[in-house]
N, C-alpha and C. Protein backbone atom coordinates (compact mmCIF):
# COMPACT_ATOMS: atom_id res chain seq x y z
N MET A 1 23.55 -20.34 19.58
CA MET A 1 23.73 -20.75 18.21
C MET A 1 25.06 -21.49 18.13
N CYS A 2 25.11 -22.54 17.36
CA CYS A 2 26.31 -23.37 17.27
C CYS A 2 27.20 -22.89 16.16
N ARG A 3 28.48 -22.90 16.43
CA ARG A 3 29.47 -22.52 15.43
C ARG A 3 30.59 -23.54 15.46
N LYS A 4 31.03 -23.96 14.30
CA LYS A 4 32.13 -24.92 14.24
C LYS A 4 33.47 -24.23 14.43
N SER A 5 33.46 -22.91 14.38
CA SER A 5 34.72 -22.20 14.46
C SER A 5 35.16 -21.93 15.89
N LEU A 6 34.44 -22.43 16.87
CA LEU A 6 34.85 -22.24 18.26
C LEU A 6 36.11 -23.05 18.54
N PRO A 7 36.89 -22.67 19.52
CA PRO A 7 38.12 -23.40 19.82
C PRO A 7 37.82 -24.85 20.20
N ASN A 8 38.65 -25.74 19.75
CA ASN A 8 38.54 -27.17 20.02
C ASN A 8 37.21 -27.76 19.56
N ASN A 9 36.60 -27.15 18.52
CA ASN A 9 35.33 -27.62 17.96
C ASN A 9 34.24 -27.74 19.02
N HIS A 10 34.24 -26.85 20.00
CA HIS A 10 33.21 -26.85 21.02
C HIS A 10 31.99 -26.09 20.51
N CYS A 11 30.86 -26.53 20.93
CA CYS A 11 29.60 -25.84 20.64
C CYS A 11 29.25 -25.04 21.88
N GLU A 12 28.66 -23.84 21.71
CA GLU A 12 28.27 -23.04 22.86
C GLU A 12 27.32 -23.85 23.72
N GLY A 13 27.58 -23.94 24.98
CA GLY A 13 26.72 -24.66 25.89
C GLY A 13 26.99 -26.16 25.92
N ALA A 14 27.92 -26.64 25.12
CA ALA A 14 28.21 -28.08 25.09
C ALA A 14 29.33 -28.36 26.08
N PRO A 15 29.17 -29.39 26.90
CA PRO A 15 30.23 -29.71 27.85
C PRO A 15 31.44 -30.31 27.13
N PRO A 16 32.64 -30.01 27.60
CA PRO A 16 33.83 -30.55 26.94
C PRO A 16 33.96 -32.05 27.22
N GLY A 17 34.59 -32.74 26.29
CA GLY A 17 34.88 -34.16 26.48
C GLY A 17 33.96 -35.05 25.66
N ASN A 18 34.31 -36.32 25.53
CA ASN A 18 33.58 -37.38 24.83
C ASN A 18 33.00 -36.89 23.51
N TYR A 19 33.86 -36.66 22.56
CA TYR A 19 33.43 -36.16 21.26
C TYR A 19 33.08 -37.32 20.37
N GLY A 20 31.91 -37.23 19.74
CA GLY A 20 31.46 -38.26 18.81
C GLY A 20 31.70 -37.80 17.39
N ASN A 21 30.71 -37.91 16.59
CA ASN A 21 30.81 -37.53 15.18
C ASN A 21 31.07 -36.04 15.04
N TYR A 22 31.90 -35.70 14.10
CA TYR A 22 32.22 -34.33 13.73
C TYR A 22 32.85 -33.53 14.85
N GLY A 23 33.37 -34.12 15.83
CA GLY A 23 34.10 -33.42 16.88
C GLY A 23 33.22 -32.76 17.92
N TYR A 24 31.92 -33.03 17.95
CA TYR A 24 31.03 -32.46 18.95
C TYR A 24 30.74 -33.49 20.02
N ALA A 25 30.51 -33.03 21.22
CA ALA A 25 30.06 -33.92 22.28
C ALA A 25 28.65 -34.35 21.92
N SER A 26 28.28 -35.57 22.22
CA SER A 26 26.99 -36.09 21.77
C SER A 26 25.82 -35.28 22.33
N SER A 27 25.83 -34.92 23.58
CA SER A 27 24.72 -34.15 24.14
C SER A 27 24.76 -32.70 23.64
N GLY A 28 25.95 -32.16 23.48
CA GLY A 28 26.09 -30.80 22.96
C GLY A 28 25.66 -30.73 21.51
N TYR A 29 25.97 -31.78 20.75
CA TYR A 29 25.58 -31.83 19.34
C TYR A 29 24.05 -31.83 19.24
N ASN A 30 23.40 -32.61 20.07
CA ASN A 30 21.93 -32.65 20.05
C ASN A 30 21.35 -31.30 20.44
N ALA A 31 21.95 -30.63 21.41
CA ALA A 31 21.47 -29.32 21.82
C ALA A 31 21.62 -28.31 20.69
N CYS A 32 22.76 -28.41 19.99
CA CYS A 32 22.99 -27.50 18.87
C CYS A 32 22.00 -27.79 17.74
N GLU A 33 21.75 -29.06 17.48
CA GLU A 33 20.80 -29.41 16.43
C GLU A 33 19.40 -28.93 16.77
N GLU A 34 19.01 -29.08 18.02
CA GLU A 34 17.69 -28.63 18.45
C GLU A 34 17.57 -27.11 18.32
N GLU A 35 18.63 -26.42 18.71
CA GLU A 35 18.62 -24.96 18.60
C GLU A 35 18.57 -24.54 17.14
N ASN A 36 19.34 -25.21 16.29
CA ASN A 36 19.33 -24.90 14.86
C ASN A 36 17.95 -25.19 14.26
N ASP A 37 17.32 -26.29 14.65
CA ASP A 37 15.99 -26.62 14.16
C ASP A 37 14.97 -25.56 14.60
N ARG A 38 15.09 -25.14 15.86
CA ARG A 38 14.18 -24.12 16.37
C ARG A 38 14.37 -22.80 15.62
N LEU A 39 15.61 -22.41 15.40
CA LEU A 39 15.89 -21.17 14.67
C LEU A 39 15.45 -21.28 13.21
N THR A 40 15.61 -22.46 12.63
CA THR A 40 15.18 -22.67 11.24
C THR A 40 13.67 -22.53 11.13
N GLU A 41 12.93 -23.11 12.07
CA GLU A 41 11.47 -22.99 12.06
C GLU A 41 11.04 -21.55 12.26
N SER A 42 11.74 -20.85 13.16
CA SER A 42 11.41 -19.45 13.39
C SER A 42 11.64 -18.64 12.11
N LEU A 43 12.75 -18.89 11.45
CA LEU A 43 13.05 -18.20 10.20
C LEU A 43 12.04 -18.55 9.13
N ARG A 44 11.66 -19.81 9.05
CA ARG A 44 10.68 -20.25 8.05
C ARG A 44 9.34 -19.55 8.27
N SER A 45 8.92 -19.43 9.52
CA SER A 45 7.63 -18.76 9.79
C SER A 45 7.71 -17.27 9.45
N LYS A 46 8.85 -16.66 9.72
CA LYS A 46 9.00 -15.24 9.39
C LYS A 46 9.01 -15.03 7.88
N VAL A 47 9.68 -15.90 7.15
CA VAL A 47 9.73 -15.80 5.69
C VAL A 47 8.33 -15.99 5.11
N THR A 48 7.57 -16.94 5.67
CA THR A 48 6.20 -17.17 5.20
C THR A 48 5.33 -15.95 5.45
N ALA A 49 5.49 -15.34 6.61
CA ALA A 49 4.71 -14.13 6.92
C ALA A 49 5.07 -12.99 5.97
N ILE A 50 6.34 -12.82 5.70
CA ILE A 50 6.77 -11.75 4.79
C ILE A 50 6.28 -12.03 3.38
N LYS A 51 6.30 -13.28 2.98
CA LYS A 51 5.82 -13.65 1.64
C LYS A 51 4.34 -13.33 1.50
N SER A 52 3.54 -13.72 2.48
CA SER A 52 2.11 -13.44 2.39
C SER A 52 1.84 -11.94 2.43
N LEU A 53 2.61 -11.21 3.22
CA LEU A 53 2.46 -9.76 3.28
C LEU A 53 2.81 -9.12 1.94
N SER A 54 3.88 -9.59 1.31
CA SER A 54 4.26 -9.01 0.02
C SER A 54 3.23 -9.35 -1.06
N ILE A 55 2.61 -10.52 -0.99
CA ILE A 55 1.55 -10.86 -1.95
C ILE A 55 0.35 -9.95 -1.75
N GLU A 56 -0.01 -9.70 -0.50
CA GLU A 56 -1.12 -8.79 -0.21
C GLU A 56 -0.82 -7.37 -0.69
N ILE A 57 0.42 -6.94 -0.51
CA ILE A 57 0.82 -5.61 -0.99
C ILE A 57 0.71 -5.56 -2.51
N GLY A 58 1.11 -6.63 -3.18
CA GLY A 58 1.00 -6.68 -4.64
C GLY A 58 -0.44 -6.55 -5.10
N HIS A 59 -1.35 -7.27 -4.42
CA HIS A 59 -2.77 -7.17 -4.78
C HIS A 59 -3.29 -5.76 -4.54
N GLU A 60 -2.89 -5.15 -3.44
CA GLU A 60 -3.34 -3.80 -3.12
C GLU A 60 -2.81 -2.80 -4.16
N VAL A 61 -1.57 -2.98 -4.59
CA VAL A 61 -1.00 -2.08 -5.60
C VAL A 61 -1.76 -2.22 -6.91
N LYS A 62 -2.11 -3.45 -7.30
CA LYS A 62 -2.88 -3.64 -8.53
C LYS A 62 -4.24 -2.96 -8.44
N ASN A 63 -4.90 -3.11 -7.29
CA ASN A 63 -6.21 -2.46 -7.11
C ASN A 63 -6.09 -0.94 -7.16
N GLN A 64 -5.05 -0.41 -6.52
CA GLN A 64 -4.86 1.04 -6.52
C GLN A 64 -4.55 1.56 -7.92
N ASN A 65 -3.74 0.82 -8.68
CA ASN A 65 -3.44 1.23 -10.05
C ASN A 65 -4.69 1.22 -10.91
N LYS A 66 -5.55 0.22 -10.72
CA LYS A 66 -6.81 0.16 -11.46
C LYS A 66 -7.69 1.35 -11.11
N LEU A 67 -7.77 1.68 -9.82
CA LEU A 67 -8.55 2.82 -9.37
C LEU A 67 -8.01 4.13 -9.96
N LEU A 68 -6.69 4.28 -9.97
CA LEU A 68 -6.08 5.48 -10.53
C LEU A 68 -6.34 5.61 -12.02
N ALA A 69 -6.31 4.48 -12.73
CA ALA A 69 -6.59 4.51 -14.16
C ALA A 69 -8.03 4.93 -14.42
N GLU A 70 -8.97 4.43 -13.61
CA GLU A 70 -10.37 4.83 -13.75
C GLU A 70 -10.54 6.32 -13.45
N MET A 71 -9.88 6.79 -12.39
CA MET A 71 -9.98 8.20 -12.05
C MET A 71 -9.39 9.07 -13.15
N ASP A 72 -8.31 8.63 -13.75
CA ASP A 72 -7.67 9.39 -14.83
C ASP A 72 -8.62 9.53 -16.02
N SER A 73 -9.28 8.43 -16.39
CA SER A 73 -10.21 8.51 -17.52
C SER A 73 -11.41 9.40 -17.18
N GLN A 74 -11.88 9.34 -15.93
CA GLN A 74 -12.99 10.21 -15.53
C GLN A 74 -12.59 11.67 -15.54
N PHE A 75 -11.37 11.97 -15.07
CA PHE A 75 -10.89 13.35 -15.10
C PHE A 75 -10.73 13.84 -16.53
N ASP A 76 -10.28 12.97 -17.42
CA ASP A 76 -10.14 13.37 -18.82
C ASP A 76 -11.50 13.70 -19.42
N SER A 77 -12.51 12.86 -19.14
CA SER A 77 -13.84 13.14 -19.69
C SER A 77 -14.43 14.41 -19.08
N THR A 78 -14.18 14.63 -17.79
CA THR A 78 -14.68 15.85 -17.13
C THR A 78 -13.99 17.08 -17.70
N THR A 79 -12.70 16.97 -17.96
CA THR A 79 -11.97 18.09 -18.54
C THR A 79 -12.52 18.44 -19.91
N GLY A 80 -12.80 17.42 -20.71
CA GLY A 80 -13.38 17.67 -22.03
C GLY A 80 -14.76 18.32 -21.92
N PHE A 81 -15.57 17.84 -20.98
CA PHE A 81 -16.91 18.38 -20.79
C PHE A 81 -16.84 19.84 -20.36
N LEU A 82 -15.95 20.14 -19.39
CA LEU A 82 -15.81 21.52 -18.93
C LEU A 82 -15.26 22.43 -20.03
N GLY A 83 -14.35 21.88 -20.83
CA GLY A 83 -13.82 22.68 -21.94
C GLY A 83 -14.90 23.05 -22.94
N LYS A 84 -15.76 22.10 -23.26
CA LYS A 84 -16.87 22.38 -24.19
C LYS A 84 -17.83 23.40 -23.59
N THR A 85 -18.10 23.27 -22.31
CA THR A 85 -19.01 24.20 -21.64
C THR A 85 -18.43 25.61 -21.63
N MET A 86 -17.15 25.72 -21.34
CA MET A 86 -16.52 27.05 -21.34
C MET A 86 -16.53 27.65 -22.75
N GLY A 87 -16.33 26.81 -23.75
CA GLY A 87 -16.40 27.30 -25.13
C GLY A 87 -17.79 27.85 -25.46
N ARG A 88 -18.81 27.16 -25.01
CA ARG A 88 -20.18 27.62 -25.25
C ARG A 88 -20.45 28.92 -24.51
N LEU A 89 -19.93 29.03 -23.27
CA LEU A 89 -20.11 30.27 -22.53
C LEU A 89 -19.40 31.44 -23.20
N LYS A 90 -18.25 31.17 -23.78
CA LYS A 90 -17.55 32.25 -24.50
C LYS A 90 -18.34 32.70 -25.71
N ILE A 91 -18.93 31.73 -26.39
CA ILE A 91 -19.75 32.08 -27.56
C ILE A 91 -20.95 32.92 -27.12
N LEU A 92 -21.56 32.53 -26.00
CA LEU A 92 -22.70 33.30 -25.50
C LEU A 92 -22.28 34.71 -25.10
N SER A 93 -21.12 34.85 -24.49
CA SER A 93 -20.69 36.17 -24.03
C SER A 93 -20.30 37.08 -25.19
N ARG A 94 -19.87 36.52 -26.31
CA ARG A 94 -19.50 37.35 -27.46
C ARG A 94 -20.73 37.89 -28.19
N GLY A 95 -21.77 37.12 -28.16
CA GLY A 95 -22.97 37.51 -28.91
C GLY A 95 -23.78 38.55 -28.19
N SER A 96 -24.96 38.77 -28.73
CA SER A 96 -25.85 39.76 -28.14
C SER A 96 -26.67 39.15 -27.01
N GLN A 97 -26.31 37.97 -26.61
CA GLN A 97 -27.06 37.28 -25.57
C GLN A 97 -26.46 37.53 -24.19
N THR A 98 -25.86 38.65 -23.99
CA THR A 98 -25.24 38.99 -22.72
C THR A 98 -26.28 39.03 -21.61
N LYS A 99 -27.46 39.52 -21.94
CA LYS A 99 -28.53 39.58 -20.95
C LYS A 99 -28.91 38.18 -20.48
N LEU A 100 -28.97 37.22 -21.40
CA LEU A 100 -29.29 35.83 -21.07
C LEU A 100 -28.19 35.24 -20.18
N LEU A 101 -26.96 35.55 -20.48
CA LEU A 101 -25.84 35.06 -19.68
C LEU A 101 -25.90 35.61 -18.26
N CYS A 102 -26.25 36.86 -18.11
CA CYS A 102 -26.38 37.45 -16.78
C CYS A 102 -27.49 36.76 -15.99
N TYR A 103 -28.61 36.50 -16.65
CA TYR A 103 -29.69 35.79 -15.98
C TYR A 103 -29.26 34.39 -15.55
N MET A 104 -28.51 33.73 -16.38
CA MET A 104 -28.03 32.39 -16.03
C MET A 104 -27.10 32.46 -14.82
N MET A 105 -26.22 33.42 -14.78
CA MET A 105 -25.30 33.58 -13.66
C MET A 105 -26.06 33.89 -12.37
N LEU A 106 -27.03 34.80 -12.45
CA LEU A 106 -27.82 35.14 -11.26
C LEU A 106 -28.62 33.93 -10.79
N PHE A 107 -29.20 33.19 -11.71
CA PHE A 107 -29.94 31.99 -11.34
C PHE A 107 -29.02 30.97 -10.66
N SER A 108 -27.81 30.80 -11.19
CA SER A 108 -26.84 29.86 -10.59
C SER A 108 -26.47 30.30 -9.18
N LEU A 109 -26.21 31.58 -8.99
CA LEU A 109 -25.89 32.08 -7.66
C LEU A 109 -27.07 31.87 -6.70
N PHE A 110 -28.29 32.12 -7.18
CA PHE A 110 -29.47 31.90 -6.35
C PHE A 110 -29.57 30.43 -5.93
N VAL A 111 -29.36 29.52 -6.85
CA VAL A 111 -29.44 28.09 -6.54
C VAL A 111 -28.36 27.72 -5.52
N PHE A 112 -27.15 28.20 -5.69
CA PHE A 112 -26.07 27.90 -4.74
C PHE A 112 -26.39 28.44 -3.35
N PHE A 113 -26.94 29.64 -3.26
CA PHE A 113 -27.31 30.20 -1.95
C PHE A 113 -28.43 29.41 -1.30
N VAL A 114 -29.39 28.97 -2.08
CA VAL A 114 -30.48 28.16 -1.53
C VAL A 114 -29.94 26.84 -1.00
N ILE A 115 -29.08 26.20 -1.76
CA ILE A 115 -28.48 24.93 -1.31
C ILE A 115 -27.65 25.16 -0.05
N TYR A 116 -26.88 26.23 -0.02
CA TYR A 116 -26.07 26.55 1.16
C TYR A 116 -26.97 26.79 2.38
N TRP A 117 -28.04 27.50 2.19
CA TRP A 117 -28.97 27.79 3.26
C TRP A 117 -29.63 26.51 3.79
N ILE A 118 -29.99 25.61 2.89
CA ILE A 118 -30.60 24.33 3.30
C ILE A 118 -29.61 23.49 4.08
N ILE A 119 -28.39 23.44 3.61
CA ILE A 119 -27.37 22.65 4.30
C ILE A 119 -27.06 23.25 5.68
N LYS A 120 -27.02 24.56 5.75
CA LYS A 120 -26.70 25.21 7.01
C LYS A 120 -27.80 25.01 8.05
N LEU A 121 -29.05 24.89 7.65
CA LEU A 121 -30.16 24.70 8.58
C LEU A 121 -30.20 23.29 9.16
N ARG A 122 -29.59 22.35 8.52
CA ARG A 122 -29.61 20.96 9.02
C ARG A 122 -28.83 20.82 10.24
């Protein structure tokens, strides 16, 4: 990399003597310019890659936020549904329909065991 702060305005890798414009040797100046151009292109390609990566990250974040918002609304509706169901079960348990509630619970357990048994046989 070329630096103007080197002693006697020398560029790294530039041979001493025959200084042209700006105090650099003509061949050393060209070497420094080529190196600077190469480094500039390398930096430009890295910046472009980082830019495209950050744009992709932004799109992914927007999609994830949309998904989270949908999940939040679904959880809210499910919570409301479960709350209403629990309220109805409490009403059933308070009344004289305790026998009906027991039958419902036994039927639910039977269905769960049948489903478990079917899944286990596969």
